[in-house]
Amino acid sequence: MKMAKKQNQPLTSNATVVDGKLILSLPDACSPVVWQMDFEEYRSSALEVREDLKNNRFTLCLKNQKNEAIEIAYYEDRHSAVNALMAASQALETSHGKIRPQLIHGSNNNHSYIASGSNGIGTPNSSQMSNSGNSKAGVVLAGLMIIILVLAWTLSIPKSSDMMIRSAKISPGSNSETGVAQSADDFLSRRQ
């Protein structure tokens, strides 16, 4: 009885992100498919729905950096294809954890892109642009700090002429020979 209920339920596309991979389950496609995309392999890519007028269908495609389209699944109607696209979009938006799992130590290099038209090429979002400005300001600030530290260090080193004057003031009255033993009392009485 339970099996009959499951068969009568409408099939819908869903997507999840696991260990740096987008996994699409598309049972409502004309040819049902489970498909996965590795984020390391397709670092900058776009998912899109294309209309195939010749075959009267809509295709969910992945566009890579070379602008080559890889067909994932095709649908009889646009609504189903867009639903599959939105399932993938929602999975990417709500994914938690590492999109690039091998980046354990180091900076966060995960980039999000905003689609800019039908060509599939994205532009960095505003938070990425502000981060690049912050990193430039950080480099300038670090350079200034290094210059200030070097100047402070050079000003704190005594000049060689000052050292010569100080040593001349200490030793003018000393008539002792070098290498001759003397008592501590004699040494201290000569210093005063």
N, C-alpha and C. Protein backbone atom coordinates (compact mmCIF):
# COMPACT_ATOMS: atom_id res chain seq x y z
N MET A 1 0.81 -1.19 0.00
CA MET A 1 0.00 0.00 0.00
C MET A 1 0.86 1.26 0.00
N LYS A 2 1.92 1.24 0.81
CA LYS A 2 2.82 2.40 0.85
C LYS A 2 3.49 2.61 -0.50
N MET A 3 3.78 1.55 -1.20
CA MET A 3 4.45 1.65 -2.48
C MET A 3 3.54 2.34 -3.50
N ALA A 4 2.26 2.10 -3.44
CA ALA A 4 1.32 2.73 -4.36
C ALA A 4 1.27 4.23 -4.13
N LYS A 5 1.35 4.66 -2.87
CA LYS A 5 1.34 6.09 -2.58
C LYS A 5 2.59 6.77 -3.14
N LYS A 6 3.73 6.11 -3.03
CA LYS A 6 4.97 6.70 -3.53
C LYS A 6 4.95 6.81 -5.05
N GLN A 7 4.34 5.86 -5.72
CA GLN A 7 4.30 5.90 -7.17
C GLN A 7 3.36 6.98 -7.67
N ASN A 8 2.34 7.34 -6.92
CA ASN A 8 1.39 8.36 -7.33
C ASN A 8 1.88 9.77 -7.05
N GLN A 9 2.90 9.92 -6.21
CA GLN A 9 3.42 11.25 -5.90
C GLN A 9 4.17 11.79 -7.12
N PRO A 10 4.06 13.10 -7.36
CA PRO A 10 4.77 13.67 -8.50
C PRO A 10 6.28 13.64 -8.27
N LEU A 11 7.01 13.36 -9.31
CA LEU A 11 8.46 13.34 -9.23
C LEU A 11 8.98 14.77 -9.38
N THR A 12 9.86 15.16 -8.49
CA THR A 12 10.42 16.51 -8.55
C THR A 12 11.94 16.44 -8.48
N SER A 13 12.55 17.42 -9.09
CA SER A 13 14.01 17.51 -9.06
C SER A 13 14.47 18.02 -7.71
N ASN A 14 15.61 17.52 -7.26
CA ASN A 14 16.21 18.07 -6.06
C ASN A 14 17.72 18.07 -6.22
N ALA A 15 18.37 18.86 -5.36
CA ALA A 15 19.82 19.02 -5.45
C ALA A 15 20.41 19.17 -4.06
N THR A 16 21.63 18.67 -3.89
CA THR A 16 22.35 18.82 -2.63
C THR A 16 23.83 19.08 -2.94
N VAL A 17 24.51 19.67 -1.97
CA VAL A 17 25.95 19.87 -2.06
C VAL A 17 26.60 19.01 -0.99
N VAL A 18 27.47 18.10 -1.43
CA VAL A 18 28.15 17.19 -0.51
C VAL A 18 29.63 17.10 -0.90
N ASP A 19 30.51 17.37 0.06
CA ASP A 19 31.96 17.23 -0.14
C ASP A 19 32.47 17.91 -1.41
N GLY A 20 32.06 19.12 -1.63
CA GLY A 20 32.55 19.86 -2.78
C GLY A 20 31.94 19.45 -4.10
N LYS A 21 30.78 18.78 -4.06
CA LYS A 21 30.12 18.35 -5.30
C LYS A 21 28.64 18.72 -5.24
N LEU A 22 28.14 19.18 -6.37
CA LEU A 22 26.70 19.43 -6.53
C LEU A 22 26.11 18.15 -7.10
N ILE A 23 25.13 17.60 -6.40
CA ILE A 23 24.48 16.37 -6.86
C ILE A 23 23.04 16.70 -7.22
N LEU A 24 22.68 16.49 -8.48
CA LEU A 24 21.33 16.75 -8.97
C LEU A 24 20.61 15.43 -9.19
N SER A 25 19.43 15.32 -8.63
CA SER A 25 18.57 14.17 -8.88
C SER A 25 17.39 14.70 -9.70
N LEU A 26 17.30 14.26 -10.94
CA LEU A 26 16.32 14.80 -11.88
C LEU A 26 15.39 13.70 -12.39
N PRO A 27 14.49 13.19 -11.54
CA PRO A 27 13.60 12.11 -11.96
C PRO A 27 12.48 12.59 -12.88
N ASP A 28 12.22 13.89 -12.91
CA ASP A 28 11.14 14.42 -13.76
C ASP A 28 11.62 14.79 -15.16
N ALA A 29 12.88 14.56 -15.48
CA ALA A 29 13.40 14.84 -16.82
C ALA A 29 12.87 13.78 -17.79
N CYS A 30 12.96 14.08 -19.09
CA CYS A 30 12.53 13.10 -20.09
C CYS A 30 13.32 11.80 -19.97
N SER A 31 14.60 11.92 -19.71
CA SER A 31 15.45 10.77 -19.39
C SER A 31 15.97 11.01 -17.97
N PRO A 32 15.32 10.42 -16.97
CA PRO A 32 15.72 10.69 -15.58
C PRO A 32 17.21 10.41 -15.36
N VAL A 33 17.82 11.28 -14.57
CA VAL A 33 19.26 11.18 -14.36
C VAL A 33 19.64 11.69 -12.97
N VAL A 34 20.68 11.10 -12.41
CA VAL A 34 21.34 11.64 -11.22
C VAL A 34 22.70 12.11 -11.71
N TRP A 35 23.00 13.37 -11.49
CA TRP A 35 24.18 13.99 -12.07
C TRP A 35 24.97 14.68 -10.98
N GLN A 36 26.30 14.66 -11.08
CA GLN A 36 27.12 15.37 -10.10
C GLN A 36 28.15 16.25 -10.78
N MET A 37 28.46 17.37 -10.13
CA MET A 37 29.45 18.31 -10.64
C MET A 37 30.46 18.58 -9.53
N ASP A 38 31.73 18.37 -9.83
CA ASP A 38 32.82 18.63 -8.89
C ASP A 38 33.21 20.11 -9.01
N PHE A 39 33.18 20.84 -7.90
CA PHE A 39 33.48 22.27 -7.94
C PHE A 39 34.93 22.54 -8.33
N GLU A 40 35.84 21.63 -8.03
CA GLU A 40 37.23 21.83 -8.42
C GLU A 40 37.40 21.75 -9.93
N GLU A 41 36.63 20.87 -10.56
CA GLU A 41 36.74 20.70 -12.01
C GLU A 41 36.07 21.85 -12.76
N TYR A 42 34.97 22.33 -12.23
CA TYR A 42 34.22 23.41 -12.88
C TYR A 42 34.19 24.61 -11.94
N ARG A 43 35.33 25.27 -11.80
CA ARG A 43 35.45 26.38 -10.84
C ARG A 43 34.55 27.55 -11.20
N SER A 44 34.53 27.94 -12.43
CA SER A 44 33.71 29.07 -12.84
C SER A 44 32.81 28.58 -13.98
N SER A 45 31.60 28.24 -13.64
CA SER A 45 30.67 27.72 -14.63
C SER A 45 29.28 28.24 -14.33
N ALA A 46 28.36 28.00 -15.23
CA ALA A 46 26.99 28.47 -15.08
C ALA A 46 26.02 27.38 -15.48
N LEU A 47 24.93 27.28 -14.75
CA LEU A 47 23.83 26.40 -15.12
C LEU A 47 22.78 27.26 -15.82
N GLU A 48 22.22 26.74 -16.89
CA GLU A 48 21.20 27.51 -17.60
C GLU A 48 20.21 26.58 -18.28
N VAL A 49 19.05 27.14 -18.62
CA VAL A 49 18.02 26.42 -19.36
C VAL A 49 18.04 26.97 -20.79
N ARG A 50 18.20 26.06 -21.75
CA ARG A 50 18.21 26.46 -23.17
C ARG A 50 17.00 25.85 -23.86
N GLU A 51 16.43 26.63 -24.76
CA GLU A 51 15.29 26.14 -25.53
C GLU A 51 15.79 25.54 -26.84
N ASP A 52 15.39 24.32 -27.10
CA ASP A 52 15.75 23.63 -28.33
C ASP A 52 14.51 23.63 -29.22
N LEU A 53 14.43 24.60 -30.13
CA LEU A 53 13.25 24.74 -30.99
C LEU A 53 13.13 23.58 -31.98
N LYS A 54 14.24 23.03 -32.38
CA LYS A 54 14.24 21.94 -33.35
C LYS A 54 13.54 20.69 -32.78
N ASN A 55 13.85 20.36 -31.52
CA ASN A 55 13.27 19.17 -30.89
C ASN A 55 12.12 19.49 -29.95
N ASN A 56 11.77 20.76 -29.86
CA ASN A 56 10.67 21.23 -29.01
C ASN A 56 10.84 20.75 -27.55
N ARG A 57 12.00 21.09 -26.98
CA ARG A 57 12.26 20.73 -25.59
C ARG A 57 13.17 21.78 -24.95
N PHE A 58 13.32 21.68 -23.64
CA PHE A 58 14.15 22.61 -22.87
C PHE A 58 15.25 21.80 -22.19
N THR A 59 16.48 22.27 -22.32
CA THR A 59 17.62 21.53 -21.81
C THR A 59 18.29 22.28 -20.68
N LEU A 60 18.53 21.57 -19.58
CA LEU A 60 19.33 22.10 -18.48
C LEU A 60 20.78 21.83 -18.82
N CYS A 61 21.58 22.90 -18.93
CA CYS A 61 22.97 22.78 -19.38
C CYS A 61 23.93 23.39 -18.36
N LEU A 62 25.15 22.91 -18.40
CA LEU A 62 26.25 23.48 -17.64
C LEU A 62 27.19 24.13 -18.65
N LYS A 63 27.48 25.41 -18.46
CA LYS A 63 28.41 26.12 -19.33
C LYS A 63 29.72 26.27 -18.59
N ASN A 64 30.82 25.82 -19.21
CA ASN A 64 32.13 25.94 -18.58
C ASN A 64 32.81 27.25 -18.98
N GLN A 65 34.06 27.42 -18.57
CA GLN A 65 34.79 28.67 -18.84
C GLN A 65 35.03 28.88 -20.33
N LYS A 66 35.08 27.82 -21.09
CA LYS A 66 35.30 27.92 -22.54
C LYS A 66 34.00 28.16 -23.29
N ASN A 67 32.92 28.39 -22.55
CA ASN A 67 31.60 28.64 -23.11
C ASN A 67 31.04 27.42 -23.84
N GLU A 68 31.49 26.23 -23.46
CA GLU A 68 30.96 24.99 -24.00
C GLU A 68 29.80 24.54 -23.12
N ALA A 69 28.72 24.10 -23.76
CA ALA A 69 27.54 23.67 -23.01
C ALA A 69 27.55 22.15 -22.88
N ILE A 70 27.38 21.69 -21.64
CA ILE A 70 27.27 20.26 -21.36
C ILE A 70 25.83 19.99 -20.97
N GLU A 71 25.15 19.15 -21.75
CA GLU A 71 23.75 18.85 -21.46
C GLU A 71 23.64 17.96 -20.23
N ILE A 72 22.78 18.36 -19.30
CA ILE A 72 22.56 17.57 -18.09
C ILE A 72 21.29 16.74 -18.26
N ALA A 73 20.20 17.42 -18.59
CA ALA A 73 18.91 16.73 -18.78
C ALA A 73 18.02 17.62 -19.64
N TYR A 74 17.05 17.00 -20.30
CA TYR A 74 16.11 17.80 -21.08
C TYR A 74 14.68 17.52 -20.61
N TYR A 75 13.83 18.53 -20.80
CA TYR A 75 12.45 18.50 -20.32
C TYR A 75 11.51 18.88 -21.45
N GLU A 76 10.27 18.42 -21.32
CA GLU A 76 9.24 18.74 -22.31
C GLU A 76 8.73 20.17 -22.16
N ASP A 77 8.76 20.71 -20.92
CA ASP A 77 8.25 22.07 -20.72
C ASP A 77 9.28 22.91 -19.95
N ARG A 78 9.20 24.19 -20.16
CA ARG A 78 10.14 25.14 -19.56
C ARG A 78 10.01 25.16 -18.04
N HIS A 79 8.81 25.07 -17.52
CA HIS A 79 8.57 25.14 -16.08
C HIS A 79 9.35 24.06 -15.33
N SER A 80 9.34 22.84 -15.82
CA SER A 80 10.07 21.75 -15.16
C SER A 80 11.58 21.97 -15.21
N ALA A 81 12.06 22.47 -16.34
CA ALA A 81 13.50 22.74 -16.47
C ALA A 81 13.94 23.85 -15.52
N VAL A 82 13.13 24.89 -15.40
CA VAL A 82 13.44 26.00 -14.48
C VAL A 82 13.37 25.51 -13.03
N ASN A 83 12.43 24.62 -12.72
CA ASN A 83 12.36 24.06 -11.36
C ASN A 83 13.65 23.30 -11.02
N ALA A 84 14.18 22.56 -11.96
CA ALA A 84 15.44 21.84 -11.74
C ALA A 84 16.59 22.83 -11.53
N LEU A 85 16.60 23.89 -12.32
CA LEU A 85 17.62 24.94 -12.17
C LEU A 85 17.52 25.60 -10.79
N MET A 86 16.31 25.89 -10.35
CA MET A 86 16.11 26.54 -9.05
C MET A 86 16.46 25.59 -7.90
N ALA A 87 16.25 24.30 -8.07
CA ALA A 87 16.66 23.33 -7.04
C ALA A 87 18.18 23.36 -6.88
N ALA A 88 18.90 23.43 -7.99
CA ALA A 88 20.36 23.52 -7.94
C ALA A 88 20.79 24.83 -7.30
N SER A 89 20.12 25.91 -7.66
CA SER A 89 20.44 27.22 -7.10
C SER A 89 20.24 27.24 -5.59
N GLN A 90 19.13 26.70 -5.14
CA GLN A 90 18.84 26.68 -3.70
C GLN A 90 19.85 25.80 -2.95
N ALA A 91 20.24 24.69 -3.53
CA ALA A 91 21.24 23.83 -2.88
C ALA A 91 22.57 24.56 -2.73
N LEU A 92 22.94 25.33 -3.74
CA LEU A 92 24.19 26.09 -3.66
C LEU A 92 24.09 27.21 -2.63
N GLU A 93 22.93 27.86 -2.57
CA GLU A 93 22.75 28.96 -1.62
C GLU A 93 22.74 28.49 -0.18
N THR A 94 22.16 27.34 0.07
CA THR A 94 22.01 26.87 1.45
C THR A 94 23.08 25.88 1.87
N SER A 95 24.05 25.62 1.00
CA SER A 95 25.08 24.65 1.36
C SER A 95 25.96 25.20 2.47
N HIS A 96 26.31 24.33 3.39
CA HIS A 96 27.18 24.69 4.50
C HIS A 96 28.42 23.84 4.41
N GLY A 97 29.49 24.33 4.94
CA GLY A 97 30.73 23.57 4.92
C GLY A 97 31.63 24.05 3.81
N LYS A 98 32.54 23.22 3.44
CA LYS A 98 33.57 23.60 2.48
C LYS A 98 33.11 23.28 1.07
N ILE A 99 33.15 24.29 0.21
CA ILE A 99 32.86 24.04 -1.20
C ILE A 99 34.10 23.45 -1.85
N ARG A 100 35.29 23.86 -1.37
CA ARG A 100 36.55 23.28 -1.83
C ARG A 100 37.17 22.54 -0.66
N PRO A 101 36.93 21.24 -0.51
CA PRO A 101 37.34 20.52 0.69
C PRO A 101 38.84 20.45 0.92
N GLN A 102 39.69 20.56 -0.11
CA GLN A 102 41.12 20.44 0.12
C GLN A 102 41.72 21.71 0.70
N LEU A 103 40.98 22.80 0.79
CA LEU A 103 41.48 24.02 1.40
C LEU A 103 41.23 23.96 2.90
N ILE A 104 42.02 23.18 3.62
CA ILE A 104 41.82 23.04 5.05
C ILE A 104 42.46 24.20 5.77
N HIS A 105 43.71 24.51 5.45
CA HIS A 105 44.41 25.63 6.06
C HIS A 105 44.59 26.69 4.99
N GLY A 106 44.39 27.93 5.33
CA GLY A 106 44.59 29.00 4.37
C GLY A 106 43.38 29.90 4.33
N SER A 107 43.37 30.72 3.34
CA SER A 107 42.31 31.72 3.26
C SER A 107 41.07 31.15 2.61
N ASN A 108 40.00 31.83 2.79
CA ASN A 108 38.73 31.44 2.22
C ASN A 108 38.67 31.97 0.80
N ASN A 109 38.79 31.11 -0.18
CA ASN A 109 38.79 31.52 -1.57
C ASN A 109 37.51 31.16 -2.29
N ASN A 110 36.46 30.93 -1.58
CA ASN A 110 35.19 30.61 -2.21
C ASN A 110 34.63 31.87 -2.85
N HIS A 111 34.33 31.79 -4.15
CA HIS A 111 33.82 32.96 -4.86
C HIS A 111 32.38 32.72 -5.26
N SER A 112 31.55 33.72 -5.09
CA SER A 112 30.19 33.64 -5.59
C SER A 112 30.06 34.62 -6.75
N TYR A 113 29.28 34.25 -7.74
CA TYR A 113 29.14 35.07 -8.94
C TYR A 113 27.69 35.40 -9.18
N ILE A 114 27.47 36.58 -9.71
CA ILE A 114 26.14 37.03 -10.09
C ILE A 114 26.05 36.91 -11.61
N ALA A 115 25.02 36.25 -12.10
CA ALA A 115 24.87 36.07 -13.54
C ALA A 115 24.69 37.41 -14.22
N SER A 116 25.33 37.57 -15.37
CA SER A 116 25.22 38.85 -16.08
C SER A 116 24.80 38.60 -17.51
N GLY A 117 23.57 38.27 -17.70
CA GLY A 117 23.06 38.08 -19.04
C GLY A 117 23.06 36.63 -19.47
N SER A 118 22.85 36.42 -20.76
CA SER A 118 22.70 35.07 -21.26
C SER A 118 24.01 34.43 -21.67
N ASN A 119 25.13 35.17 -21.59
CA ASN A 119 26.38 34.58 -22.01
C ASN A 119 27.01 33.68 -20.96
N GLY A 120 26.46 33.67 -19.74
CA GLY A 120 26.93 32.75 -18.70
C GLY A 120 28.17 33.22 -17.97
N ILE A 121 28.70 34.36 -18.36
CA ILE A 121 29.89 34.87 -17.69
C ILE A 121 29.43 35.67 -16.49
N GLY A 122 30.03 35.41 -15.35
CA GLY A 122 29.62 36.08 -14.12
C GLY A 122 30.59 37.17 -13.72
N THR A 123 30.12 38.04 -12.84
CA THR A 123 30.97 39.07 -12.27
C THR A 123 31.02 38.86 -10.78
N PRO A 124 32.13 39.21 -10.15
CA PRO A 124 32.21 39.04 -8.70
C PRO A 124 31.17 39.89 -8.00
N ASN A 125 30.64 39.39 -6.89
CA ASN A 125 29.66 40.18 -6.17
C ASN A 125 30.35 41.28 -5.38
N SER A 126 29.58 42.21 -4.79
CA SER A 126 30.14 43.40 -4.17
C SER A 126 31.01 43.07 -2.98
N SER A 127 30.74 42.01 -2.24
CA SER A 127 31.59 41.68 -1.09
C SER A 127 32.97 41.25 -1.55
N GLN A 128 33.08 40.61 -2.72
CA GLN A 128 34.40 40.25 -3.23
C GLN A 128 35.15 41.49 -3.65
N MET A 129 34.47 42.43 -4.27
CA MET A 129 35.14 43.65 -4.68
C MET A 129 35.64 44.43 -3.48
N SER A 130 34.84 44.49 -2.41
CA SER A 130 35.28 45.22 -1.23
C SER A 130 36.41 44.48 -0.54
N ASN A 131 36.45 43.16 -0.60
CA ASN A 131 37.55 42.41 -0.01
C ASN A 131 38.85 42.69 -0.73
N SER A 132 38.82 42.86 -2.06
CA SER A 132 40.05 43.15 -2.78
C SER A 132 40.56 44.53 -2.41
N GLY A 133 39.68 45.49 -2.17
CA GLY A 133 40.09 46.81 -1.71
C GLY A 133 40.68 46.75 -0.33
N ASN A 134 40.10 45.92 0.54
CA ASN A 134 40.62 45.77 1.89
C ASN A 134 42.01 45.14 1.88
N SER A 135 42.25 44.20 0.98
CA SER A 135 43.56 43.56 0.95
C SER A 135 44.62 44.54 0.45
N LYS A 136 44.28 45.42 -0.49
CA LYS A 136 45.23 46.43 -0.95
C LYS A 136 45.55 47.41 0.16
N ALA A 137 44.54 47.81 0.91
CA ALA A 137 44.77 48.72 2.03
C ALA A 137 45.62 48.04 3.09
N GLY A 138 45.43 46.76 3.30
CA GLY A 138 46.23 46.02 4.26
C GLY A 138 47.70 45.96 3.86
N VAL A 139 47.97 45.80 2.57
CA VAL A 139 49.35 45.77 2.08
C VAL A 139 50.01 47.13 2.29
N VAL A 140 49.29 48.20 1.98
CA VAL A 140 49.83 49.55 2.17
C VAL A 140 50.09 49.81 3.65
N LEU A 141 49.16 49.43 4.50
CA LEU A 141 49.32 49.62 5.94
C LEU A 141 50.51 48.82 6.48
N ALA A 142 50.69 47.60 6.01
CA ALA A 142 51.83 46.79 6.44
C ALA A 142 53.14 47.43 6.00
N GLY A 143 53.18 47.97 4.79
CA GLY A 143 54.39 48.65 4.30
C GLY A 143 54.73 49.86 5.15
N LEU A 144 53.72 50.65 5.51
CA LEU A 144 53.96 51.81 6.37
C LEU A 144 54.47 51.40 7.74
N MET A 145 53.92 50.34 8.29
CA MET A 145 54.37 49.86 9.60
C MET A 145 55.83 49.42 9.54
N ILE A 146 56.24 48.78 8.48
CA ILE A 146 57.64 48.35 8.33
C ILE A 146 58.56 49.56 8.26
N ILE A 147 58.17 50.57 7.50
CA ILE A 147 58.99 51.79 7.39
C ILE A 147 59.12 52.47 8.75
N ILE A 148 58.03 52.57 9.49
CA ILE A 148 58.07 53.20 10.82
C ILE A 148 58.97 52.41 11.76
N LEU A 149 58.88 51.10 11.74
CA LEU A 149 59.73 50.27 12.61
C LEU A 149 61.20 50.41 12.26
N VAL A 150 61.54 50.47 10.98
CA VAL A 150 62.94 50.64 10.57
C VAL A 150 63.46 51.99 11.02
N LEU A 151 62.66 53.05 10.86
CA LEU A 151 63.07 54.39 11.31
C LEU A 151 63.28 54.42 12.82
N ALA A 152 62.38 53.84 13.58
CA ALA A 152 62.53 53.81 15.03
C ALA A 152 63.77 53.03 15.44
N TRP A 153 64.05 51.97 14.76
CA TRP A 153 65.24 51.17 15.08
C TRP A 153 66.52 51.95 14.78
N THR A 154 66.56 52.64 13.63
CA THR A 154 67.77 53.39 13.28
C THR A 154 67.98 54.57 14.22
N LEU A 155 66.93 55.19 14.71
CA LEU A 155 67.09 56.31 15.65
C LEU A 155 67.51 55.84 17.03
N SER A 156 67.20 54.60 17.38
CA SER A 156 67.56 54.10 18.70
C SER A 156 69.00 53.59 18.77
N ILE A 157 69.67 53.38 17.66
CA ILE A 157 71.06 52.91 17.64
C ILE A 157 71.96 54.11 17.94
N PRO A 158 72.89 54.00 18.94
CA PRO A 158 73.79 55.12 19.23
C PRO A 158 74.78 55.31 18.09
N LYS A 159 75.08 56.56 17.81
CA LYS A 159 76.01 56.87 16.73
C LYS A 159 77.43 56.56 17.17
N SER A 160 78.32 56.25 16.25
CA SER A 160 79.70 55.87 16.59
C SER A 160 80.47 57.03 17.21
N SER A 161 80.19 58.29 16.84
CA SER A 161 80.90 59.43 17.44
C SER A 161 80.51 59.58 18.91
N ASP A 162 79.24 59.30 19.27
CA ASP A 162 78.82 59.35 20.66
C ASP A 162 79.56 58.29 21.47
N MET A 163 79.76 57.14 20.91
CA MET A 163 80.45 56.07 21.61
C MET A 163 81.91 56.44 21.86
N MET A 164 82.54 57.11 20.91
CA MET A 164 83.94 57.50 21.07
C MET A 164 84.08 58.55 22.16
N ILE A 165 83.15 59.51 22.23
CA ILE A 165 83.20 60.55 23.26
C ILE A 165 83.01 59.93 24.63
N ARG A 166 82.07 59.01 24.77
CA ARG A 166 81.83 58.35 26.05
C ARG A 166 83.03 57.53 26.50
N SER A 167 83.65 56.82 25.58
CA SER A 167 84.82 56.02 25.96
C SER A 167 86.00 56.90 26.31
N ALA A 168 86.12 58.07 25.69
CA ALA A 168 87.21 58.99 26.01
C ALA A 168 87.03 59.58 27.40
N LYS A 169 85.79 59.82 27.83
CA LYS A 169 85.52 60.37 29.15
C LYS A 169 85.84 59.36 30.25
N ILE A 170 85.72 58.12 30.00
CA ILE A 170 85.91 57.09 31.02
C ILE A 170 87.40 56.80 31.22
N SER A 171 88.19 56.77 30.19
CA SER A 171 89.55 56.27 30.31
C SER A 171 90.68 57.30 30.35
N PRO A 172 90.49 58.62 30.51
CA PRO A 172 91.65 59.49 30.46
C PRO A 172 92.59 59.33 31.67
N GLY A 173 92.10 58.99 32.83
CA GLY A 173 92.96 58.92 34.02
C GLY A 173 93.52 57.55 34.27
N SER A 174 93.34 56.63 33.42
CA SER A 174 93.80 55.28 33.71
C SER A 174 95.22 55.12 33.22
N ASN A 175 96.10 54.76 34.14
CA ASN A 175 97.50 54.55 33.81
C ASN A 175 97.89 53.09 33.95
N SER A 176 96.90 52.24 34.12
CA SER A 176 97.21 50.83 34.35
C SER A 176 97.62 50.15 33.06
N GLU A 177 98.47 49.20 33.22
CA GLU A 177 98.92 48.44 32.06
C GLU A 177 97.92 47.33 31.76
N THR A 178 97.86 46.99 30.52
CA THR A 178 96.99 45.91 30.11
C THR A 178 97.64 44.59 30.47
N GLY A 179 96.88 43.71 31.04
CA GLY A 179 97.36 42.37 31.36
C GLY A 179 97.98 42.25 32.74
N VAL A 180 98.05 43.34 33.51
CA VAL A 180 98.62 43.30 34.84
C VAL A 180 97.49 43.10 35.83
N ALA A 181 97.65 42.16 36.74
CA ALA A 181 96.61 41.87 37.73
C ALA A 181 96.54 42.99 38.75
N GLN A 182 95.30 43.30 39.20
CA GLN A 182 95.11 44.31 40.23
C GLN A 182 93.95 43.91 41.11
N SER A 183 93.90 44.45 42.29
CA SER A 183 92.82 44.09 43.21
C SER A 183 91.57 44.86 42.84
N ALA A 184 90.45 44.39 43.33
CA ALA A 184 89.17 45.05 43.06
C ALA A 184 89.13 46.42 43.69
N ASP A 185 89.69 46.58 44.87
CA ASP A 185 89.70 47.89 45.53
C ASP A 185 90.48 48.91 44.71
N ASP A 186 91.63 48.50 44.15
CA ASP A 186 92.42 49.41 43.32
C ASP A 186 91.64 49.82 42.07
N PHE A 187 90.97 48.85 41.46
CA PHE A 187 90.19 49.13 40.25
C PHE A 187 89.06 50.11 40.53
N LEU A 188 88.33 49.89 41.63
CA LEU A 188 87.20 50.77 41.97
C LEU A 188 87.67 52.15 42.39
N SER A 189 88.81 52.24 43.06
CA SER A 189 89.30 53.56 43.48
C SER A 189 89.75 54.38 42.28
N ARG A 190 90.23 53.78 41.23
CA ARG A 190 90.65 54.51 40.03
C ARG A 190 89.45 54.99 39.22
N ARG A 191 88.34 54.31 39.30
CA ARG A 191 87.14 54.69 38.53
C ARG A 191 86.48 55.92 39.10
N GLN A 192 86.67 56.20 40.38
CA GLN A 192 85.99 57.34 41.00
C GLN A 192 86.76 58.53 40.78
